[in-house]
Amino acid sequence: MSLPAWWDELSSSTGALDSGDGDLLGIRLSRLARSFSASPAELSERQRSDMFGLLENVLAHGSEADGNAVATEFFEALLAAWDEGFDLEAVWHHVGPESRAYCRAWNEFNGVESPNWM
């Protein structure tokens, strides 16, 4: 399976972070989320904005498969990192409306109360 065209743009905007190698998009997205949550300062505010903006665009307007990969591999990994202490609130202003809705729905599905800032 080849990577979607938008992956190159995402990869170039997050170049300082580890997203792994190989052709499996889900693994790359999960690694990107873990790498970002471990070292958010590696990206500038502009890079964070670009990363979350691109992910929002894929989730809202990309193919169903790509949107599902972003939701289940990137955002679920980011929420898992939040459960382990990652300060998601500090970057929440970069997260787009479709991505926010997914995160709140995932919390609800798992019985986690979303905080007011979400």
N, C-alpha and C. Protein backbone atom coordinates (compact mmCIF):
# COMPACT_ATOMS: atom_id res chain seq x y z
N MET A 1 0.83 -1.17 0.00
CA MET A 1 0.00 0.00 0.00
C MET A 1 0.88 1.24 0.00
N SER A 2 0.63 2.16 -0.90
CA SER A 2 1.44 3.36 -0.95
C SER A 2 0.85 4.43 -0.06
N LEU A 3 1.66 5.39 0.30
CA LEU A 3 1.22 6.48 1.16
C LEU A 3 0.44 7.50 0.34
N PRO A 4 -0.55 8.15 0.96
CA PRO A 4 -1.32 9.16 0.23
C PRO A 4 -0.48 10.39 -0.08
N ALA A 5 -0.91 11.15 -1.06
CA ALA A 5 -0.16 12.33 -1.51
C ALA A 5 0.05 13.34 -0.38
N TRP A 6 -0.90 13.48 0.52
CA TRP A 6 -0.78 14.47 1.59
C TRP A 6 0.29 14.11 2.62
N TRP A 7 0.73 12.85 2.63
CA TRP A 7 1.74 12.45 3.62
C TRP A 7 3.03 13.23 3.46
N ASP A 8 3.46 13.49 2.24
CA ASP A 8 4.71 14.23 2.03
C ASP A 8 4.63 15.63 2.63
N GLU A 9 3.48 16.29 2.47
CA GLU A 9 3.32 17.62 3.04
C GLU A 9 3.36 17.54 4.58
N LEU A 10 2.68 16.57 5.14
CA LEU A 10 2.69 16.41 6.59
C LEU A 10 4.10 16.10 7.09
N SER A 11 4.76 15.21 6.41
CA SER A 11 6.10 14.81 6.79
C SER A 11 7.08 15.99 6.74
N SER A 12 6.95 16.83 5.72
CA SER A 12 7.87 17.97 5.62
C SER A 12 7.57 19.02 6.68
N SER A 13 6.32 19.15 7.10
CA SER A 13 5.99 20.14 8.13
C SER A 13 6.36 19.67 9.53
N THR A 14 6.58 18.38 9.70
CA THR A 14 6.92 17.83 11.01
C THR A 14 8.27 17.13 10.97
N GLY A 15 9.14 17.56 10.10
CA GLY A 15 10.41 16.89 9.86
C GLY A 15 11.23 16.56 11.08
N ALA A 16 11.11 17.37 12.13
CA ALA A 16 11.91 17.13 13.33
C ALA A 16 11.40 15.94 14.13
N LEU A 17 10.20 15.50 13.85
CA LEU A 17 9.60 14.41 14.62
C LEU A 17 9.74 13.08 13.90
N ASP A 18 9.80 12.02 14.67
CA ASP A 18 9.92 10.68 14.13
C ASP A 18 8.54 10.15 13.74
N SER A 19 8.39 9.79 12.48
CA SER A 19 7.15 9.15 12.05
C SER A 19 7.41 7.77 11.48
N GLY A 20 8.63 7.32 11.55
CA GLY A 20 8.95 5.97 11.11
C GLY A 20 9.10 5.84 9.61
N ASP A 21 9.38 4.64 9.21
CA ASP A 21 9.55 4.30 7.80
C ASP A 21 8.51 3.26 7.43
N GLY A 22 8.46 2.97 6.14
CA GLY A 22 7.56 1.94 5.67
C GLY A 22 6.34 2.52 5.00
N ASP A 23 5.50 1.65 4.53
CA ASP A 23 4.34 2.06 3.76
C ASP A 23 3.04 2.07 4.55
N LEU A 24 3.06 1.73 5.81
CA LEU A 24 1.83 1.65 6.57
C LEU A 24 1.50 3.01 7.19
N LEU A 25 0.50 3.66 6.64
CA LEU A 25 0.11 4.99 7.07
C LEU A 25 -0.26 5.03 8.54
N GLY A 26 -1.04 4.07 9.00
CA GLY A 26 -1.48 4.05 10.39
C GLY A 26 -0.32 4.03 11.36
N ILE A 27 0.68 3.22 11.08
CA ILE A 27 1.85 3.15 11.95
C ILE A 27 2.58 4.48 11.96
N ARG A 28 2.72 5.10 10.80
CA ARG A 28 3.39 6.40 10.74
C ARG A 28 2.62 7.46 11.52
N LEU A 29 1.29 7.48 11.39
CA LEU A 29 0.49 8.46 12.12
C LEU A 29 0.57 8.25 13.62
N SER A 30 0.52 7.01 14.04
CA SER A 30 0.63 6.69 15.46
C SER A 30 2.00 7.11 16.01
N ARG A 31 3.05 6.82 15.28
CA ARG A 31 4.40 7.22 15.71
C ARG A 31 4.54 8.72 15.74
N LEU A 32 3.94 9.41 14.78
CA LEU A 32 3.98 10.87 14.76
C LEU A 32 3.30 11.43 16.00
N ALA A 33 2.14 10.90 16.35
CA ALA A 33 1.42 11.37 17.54
C ALA A 33 2.25 11.12 18.81
N ARG A 34 2.84 9.96 18.92
CA ARG A 34 3.66 9.64 20.10
C ARG A 34 4.90 10.53 20.15
N SER A 35 5.53 10.74 19.00
CA SER A 35 6.72 11.59 18.95
C SER A 35 6.37 13.03 19.30
N PHE A 36 5.26 13.53 18.75
CA PHE A 36 4.84 14.89 19.04
C PHE A 36 4.50 15.06 20.51
N SER A 37 3.75 14.12 21.08
CA SER A 37 3.34 14.25 22.47
C SER A 37 4.53 14.13 23.42
N ALA A 38 5.56 13.43 23.01
CA ALA A 38 6.77 13.30 23.83
C ALA A 38 7.64 14.55 23.76
N SER A 39 7.58 15.26 22.63
CA SER A 39 8.45 16.43 22.43
C SER A 39 7.73 17.52 21.65
N PRO A 40 6.66 18.09 22.18
CA PRO A 40 5.91 19.09 21.42
C PRO A 40 6.73 20.32 21.08
N ALA A 41 7.73 20.63 21.88
CA ALA A 41 8.56 21.81 21.63
C ALA A 41 9.45 21.66 20.40
N GLU A 42 9.52 20.45 19.86
CA GLU A 42 10.31 20.23 18.64
C GLU A 42 9.70 20.96 17.45
N LEU A 43 8.42 21.27 17.52
CA LEU A 43 7.75 21.98 16.44
C LEU A 43 7.43 23.41 16.86
N SER A 44 7.61 24.33 15.95
CA SER A 44 7.22 25.72 16.19
C SER A 44 5.70 25.82 16.18
N GLU A 45 5.19 26.96 16.63
CA GLU A 45 3.74 27.17 16.58
C GLU A 45 3.23 27.04 15.15
N ARG A 46 4.00 27.56 14.20
CA ARG A 46 3.59 27.48 12.79
C ARG A 46 3.55 26.02 12.33
N GLN A 47 4.54 25.24 12.70
CA GLN A 47 4.56 23.83 12.32
C GLN A 47 3.41 23.07 12.96
N ARG A 48 3.10 23.39 14.21
CA ARG A 48 1.96 22.75 14.87
C ARG A 48 0.67 23.10 14.14
N SER A 49 0.52 24.37 13.81
CA SER A 49 -0.66 24.82 13.09
C SER A 49 -0.78 24.11 11.74
N ASP A 50 0.33 24.01 11.03
CA ASP A 50 0.32 23.31 9.73
C ASP A 50 -0.03 21.85 9.89
N MET A 51 0.56 21.19 10.89
CA MET A 51 0.31 19.77 11.11
C MET A 51 -1.16 19.52 11.42
N PHE A 52 -1.70 20.23 12.41
CA PHE A 52 -3.09 20.01 12.78
C PHE A 52 -4.05 20.46 11.68
N GLY A 53 -3.67 21.51 10.94
CA GLY A 53 -4.51 21.95 9.83
C GLY A 53 -4.60 20.90 8.74
N LEU A 54 -3.48 20.30 8.41
CA LEU A 54 -3.47 19.25 7.39
C LEU A 54 -4.25 18.03 7.86
N LEU A 55 -4.06 17.64 9.11
CA LEU A 55 -4.79 16.49 9.64
C LEU A 55 -6.29 16.77 9.66
N GLU A 56 -6.68 17.99 9.99
CA GLU A 56 -8.09 18.38 9.96
C GLU A 56 -8.65 18.27 8.55
N ASN A 57 -7.89 18.74 7.58
CA ASN A 57 -8.33 18.68 6.19
C ASN A 57 -8.54 17.24 5.74
N VAL A 58 -7.62 16.37 6.11
CA VAL A 58 -7.75 14.95 5.73
C VAL A 58 -8.97 14.34 6.43
N LEU A 59 -9.13 14.64 7.71
CA LEU A 59 -10.26 14.07 8.45
C LEU A 59 -11.59 14.57 7.89
N ALA A 60 -11.65 15.84 7.55
CA ALA A 60 -12.91 16.43 7.09
C ALA A 60 -13.19 16.21 5.61
N HIS A 61 -12.13 16.16 4.79
CA HIS A 61 -12.35 16.16 3.34
C HIS A 61 -11.61 15.06 2.59
N GLY A 62 -10.80 14.29 3.28
CA GLY A 62 -10.05 13.23 2.61
C GLY A 62 -10.90 12.00 2.38
N SER A 63 -10.25 10.99 1.86
CA SER A 63 -10.96 9.73 1.65
C SER A 63 -11.37 9.14 2.99
N GLU A 64 -12.34 8.27 2.96
CA GLU A 64 -12.79 7.63 4.20
C GLU A 64 -11.64 6.89 4.87
N ALA A 65 -10.84 6.18 4.08
CA ALA A 65 -9.72 5.42 4.65
C ALA A 65 -8.69 6.35 5.29
N ASP A 66 -8.36 7.45 4.61
CA ASP A 66 -7.38 8.38 5.17
C ASP A 66 -7.93 9.06 6.42
N GLY A 67 -9.20 9.47 6.38
CA GLY A 67 -9.82 10.09 7.55
C GLY A 67 -9.86 9.15 8.74
N ASN A 68 -10.19 7.89 8.48
CA ASN A 68 -10.20 6.90 9.55
C ASN A 68 -8.81 6.70 10.13
N ALA A 69 -7.79 6.70 9.28
CA ALA A 69 -6.41 6.54 9.76
C ALA A 69 -6.01 7.71 10.65
N VAL A 70 -6.34 8.92 10.23
CA VAL A 70 -6.01 10.10 11.04
C VAL A 70 -6.72 10.01 12.38
N ALA A 71 -7.99 9.68 12.36
CA ALA A 71 -8.78 9.62 13.60
C ALA A 71 -8.27 8.53 14.53
N THR A 72 -8.18 7.32 14.02
CA THR A 72 -7.88 6.18 14.89
C THR A 72 -6.40 6.04 15.23
N GLU A 73 -5.55 6.47 14.36
CA GLU A 73 -4.11 6.29 14.62
C GLU A 73 -3.46 7.54 15.21
N PHE A 74 -3.78 8.72 14.70
CA PHE A 74 -3.15 9.93 15.24
C PHE A 74 -3.90 10.43 16.47
N PHE A 75 -5.19 10.72 16.33
CA PHE A 75 -5.89 11.35 17.44
C PHE A 75 -6.11 10.40 18.62
N GLU A 76 -6.34 9.15 18.37
CA GLU A 76 -6.46 8.22 19.50
C GLU A 76 -5.14 8.05 20.23
N ALA A 77 -4.03 8.07 19.49
CA ALA A 77 -2.72 8.01 20.14
C ALA A 77 -2.45 9.28 20.93
N LEU A 78 -2.88 10.43 20.40
CA LEU A 78 -2.70 11.70 21.10
C LEU A 78 -3.53 11.72 22.38
N LEU A 79 -4.75 11.20 22.32
CA LEU A 79 -5.58 11.13 23.52
C LEU A 79 -5.00 10.15 24.54
N ALA A 80 -4.42 9.08 24.08
CA ALA A 80 -3.76 8.14 25.00
C ALA A 80 -2.58 8.82 25.69
N ALA A 81 -1.85 9.64 24.95
CA ALA A 81 -0.73 10.39 25.54
C ALA A 81 -1.25 11.40 26.57
N TRP A 82 -2.40 12.00 26.28
CA TRP A 82 -3.02 12.93 27.23
C TRP A 82 -3.35 12.19 28.53
N ASP A 83 -3.86 10.98 28.41
CA ASP A 83 -4.15 10.16 29.59
C ASP A 83 -2.90 9.91 30.42
N GLU A 84 -1.75 9.93 29.75
CA GLU A 84 -0.48 9.66 30.43
C GLU A 84 0.27 10.93 30.80
N GLY A 85 -0.38 12.10 30.65
CA GLY A 85 0.24 13.33 31.11
C GLY A 85 0.59 14.37 30.07
N PHE A 86 0.43 14.07 28.79
CA PHE A 86 0.68 15.06 27.75
C PHE A 86 -0.29 16.23 27.90
N ASP A 87 0.21 17.46 27.79
CA ASP A 87 -0.61 18.65 27.95
C ASP A 87 -1.34 18.97 26.65
N LEU A 88 -2.40 18.25 26.38
CA LEU A 88 -3.18 18.46 25.17
C LEU A 88 -3.82 19.84 25.13
N GLU A 89 -4.19 20.36 26.27
CA GLU A 89 -4.82 21.68 26.32
C GLU A 89 -3.90 22.75 25.71
N ALA A 90 -2.60 22.60 25.87
CA ALA A 90 -1.65 23.60 25.37
C ALA A 90 -1.63 23.69 23.85
N VAL A 91 -2.05 22.64 23.17
CA VAL A 91 -2.05 22.66 21.70
C VAL A 91 -3.46 22.58 21.13
N TRP A 92 -4.47 22.53 21.99
CA TRP A 92 -5.85 22.34 21.56
C TRP A 92 -6.31 23.42 20.59
N HIS A 93 -5.79 24.65 20.73
CA HIS A 93 -6.21 25.74 19.84
C HIS A 93 -5.84 25.46 18.38
N HIS A 94 -4.92 24.54 18.14
CA HIS A 94 -4.55 24.16 16.78
C HIS A 94 -5.49 23.10 16.19
N VAL A 95 -6.21 22.40 17.04
CA VAL A 95 -7.04 21.27 16.61
C VAL A 95 -8.33 21.81 15.98
N GLY A 96 -8.62 21.35 14.76
CA GLY A 96 -9.78 21.81 14.02
C GLY A 96 -11.09 21.23 14.53
N PRO A 97 -12.22 21.76 14.04
CA PRO A 97 -13.53 21.36 14.55
C PRO A 97 -13.89 19.89 14.34
N GLU A 98 -13.57 19.31 13.19
CA GLU A 98 -13.86 17.88 12.97
C GLU A 98 -13.00 17.01 13.88
N SER A 99 -11.75 17.40 14.04
CA SER A 99 -10.83 16.66 14.91
C SER A 99 -11.27 16.77 16.37
N ARG A 100 -11.68 17.96 16.78
CA ARG A 100 -12.19 18.14 18.14
C ARG A 100 -13.41 17.27 18.38
N ALA A 101 -14.32 17.28 17.42
CA ALA A 101 -15.53 16.48 17.56
C ALA A 101 -15.19 15.00 17.69
N TYR A 102 -14.21 14.53 16.90
CA TYR A 102 -13.81 13.13 17.00
C TYR A 102 -13.24 12.84 18.39
N CYS A 103 -12.38 13.72 18.88
CA CYS A 103 -11.76 13.50 20.19
C CYS A 103 -12.81 13.45 21.30
N ARG A 104 -13.77 14.36 21.26
CA ARG A 104 -14.84 14.34 22.27
C ARG A 104 -15.69 13.07 22.15
N ALA A 105 -15.98 12.66 20.92
CA ALA A 105 -16.76 11.44 20.72
C ALA A 105 -15.99 10.22 21.21
N TRP A 106 -14.68 10.19 20.99
CA TRP A 106 -13.86 9.07 21.45
C TRP A 106 -13.86 9.03 22.98
N ASN A 107 -13.73 10.21 23.59
CA ASN A 107 -13.80 10.26 25.06
C ASN A 107 -15.13 9.72 25.55
N GLU A 108 -16.21 10.17 24.94
CA GLU A 108 -17.54 9.71 25.35
C GLU A 108 -17.68 8.20 25.19
N PHE A 109 -17.22 7.67 24.07
CA PHE A 109 -17.27 6.24 23.81
C PHE A 109 -16.54 5.46 24.90
N ASN A 110 -15.44 6.03 25.39
CA ASN A 110 -14.62 5.37 26.41
C ASN A 110 -15.01 5.73 27.84
N GLY A 111 -16.08 6.50 27.99
CA GLY A 111 -16.52 6.87 29.32
C GLY A 111 -15.65 7.91 30.00
N VAL A 112 -14.92 8.68 29.21
CA VAL A 112 -14.05 9.73 29.74
C VAL A 112 -14.76 11.07 29.58
N GLU A 113 -14.87 11.80 30.66
CA GLU A 113 -15.51 13.11 30.59
C GLU A 113 -14.54 14.11 29.96
N SER A 114 -14.97 14.76 28.90
CA SER A 114 -14.12 15.77 28.26
C SER A 114 -14.13 17.03 29.11
N PRO A 115 -12.96 17.61 29.33
CA PRO A 115 -12.90 18.84 30.13
C PRO A 115 -13.54 20.01 29.37
N ASN A 116 -13.84 21.07 30.08
CA ASN A 116 -14.49 22.24 29.47
C ASN A 116 -13.69 22.83 28.32
N TRP A 117 -12.35 22.80 28.37
CA TRP A 117 -11.56 23.40 27.31
C TRP A 117 -11.67 22.63 25.99
N MET A 118 -12.18 21.42 26.06
CA MET A 118 -12.38 20.66 24.83
C MET A 118 -13.65 21.10 24.17
